[in-house]
Amino acid sequence: MKFGRYVKCTFYLQGNGYKLFHTLPNSMRVNVNNDIKVQFWMGVWNKGSPRGPYASREEILMTLENVEQILIR
């Protein structure tokens, strides 16, 4: 049985001068359709870098108000 390769998935969201990052807690399989849900909650998104401090509710809402980029890695 072939299990395949797994990778971590990071989301990058930019808007209104804010840069937010979210890394999924579980790895995803490569070359397979994966269903993903991302929640915009405090304590889930980091600001500035994937290991930066958590973004506040206000920072998340300000970013969502004027989204300039959404990147998934």
Protein backbone atom coordinates (compact mmCIF):
# COMPACT_ATOMS: atom_id res chain seq x y z
CA MET A 1 0.00 0.00 0.00
CA LYS A 2 1.36 3.41 -1.01
CA PHE A 3 0.66 6.18 1.51
CA GLY A 4 2.03 9.17 -0.42
CA ARG A 5 3.65 12.34 0.79
CA TYR A 6 2.24 14.81 3.29
CA VAL A 7 2.92 18.55 3.54
CA LYS A 8 1.95 21.42 5.83
CA CYS A 9 -0.36 24.04 4.34
CA THR A 10 0.04 27.76 5.11
CA PHE A 11 -2.40 30.52 4.16
CA TYR A 12 -1.28 34.12 3.60
CA LEU A 13 -3.79 36.95 3.62
CA GLN A 14 -2.86 40.57 2.92
CA GLY A 15 -5.03 43.68 3.10
CA ASN A 16 -5.17 47.21 4.58
CA GLY A 17 -1.48 47.04 5.44
CA TYR A 18 -1.84 43.79 7.42
CA LYS A 19 -0.20 40.45 6.64
CA LEU A 20 -1.78 37.42 8.31
CA PHE A 21 -0.70 33.78 8.27
CA HIS A 22 -2.46 30.56 9.21
CA THR A 23 -0.88 27.09 9.17
CA LEU A 24 -3.22 24.12 9.24
CA PRO A 25 -2.70 21.89 12.28
CA ASN A 26 -2.80 18.70 10.17
CA SER A 27 -0.74 17.84 7.09
CA MET A 28 -2.35 17.37 3.70
CA ARG A 29 -1.69 14.62 1.16
CA VAL A 30 0.05 15.61 -2.06
CA ASN A 31 -1.67 14.96 -5.43
CA VAL A 32 -5.04 14.32 -3.76
CA ASN A 33 -8.11 16.58 -3.55
CA ASN A 34 -8.17 17.90 0.02
CA ASP A 35 -11.15 19.63 1.64
CA ILE A 36 -10.03 22.54 3.79
CA LYS A 37 -11.87 24.85 6.17
CA VAL A 38 -10.20 27.98 7.45
CA GLN A 39 -11.79 29.96 10.27
CA PHE A 40 -11.14 33.64 10.90
CA TRP A 41 -10.92 33.44 14.68
CA MET A 42 -8.60 35.14 17.14
CA GLY A 43 -5.84 32.80 18.24
CA VAL A 44 -5.73 31.08 14.85
CA TRP A 45 -4.11 33.71 12.62
CA ASN A 46 -0.61 35.11 13.15
CA LYS A 47 0.47 38.56 12.05
CA GLY A 48 3.71 39.46 10.30
CA SER A 49 5.01 35.89 9.93
CA PRO A 50 3.78 32.30 10.40
CA ARG A 51 5.35 32.29 13.91
CA GLY A 52 4.45 35.88 14.80
CA PRO A 53 2.04 36.98 17.53
CA TYR A 54 -1.65 36.21 17.17
CA ALA A 55 -3.76 38.73 15.27
CA SER A 56 -6.55 40.47 17.17
CA ARG A 57 -10.18 40.45 16.06
CA GLU A 58 -9.78 44.03 14.82
CA GLU A 59 -6.69 43.14 12.75
CA ILE A 60 -8.48 40.18 11.14
CA LEU A 61 -11.54 42.30 10.29
CA MET A 62 -9.40 45.15 8.94
CA THR A 63 -7.54 42.70 6.69
CA LEU A 64 -10.80 41.19 5.42
CA GLU A 65 -12.22 44.66 4.74
CA ASN A 66 -9.83 45.16 1.80
CA VAL A 67 -8.24 41.84 0.74
CA GLU A 68 -5.35 42.40 -1.67
CA GLN A 69 -3.82 38.90 -1.78
CA ILE A 70 -4.72 35.36 -0.76
CA LEU A 71 -1.92 32.83 -1.15
CA ILE A 72 -1.97 29.14 -0.27
CA ARG A 73 1.27 27.28 0.07
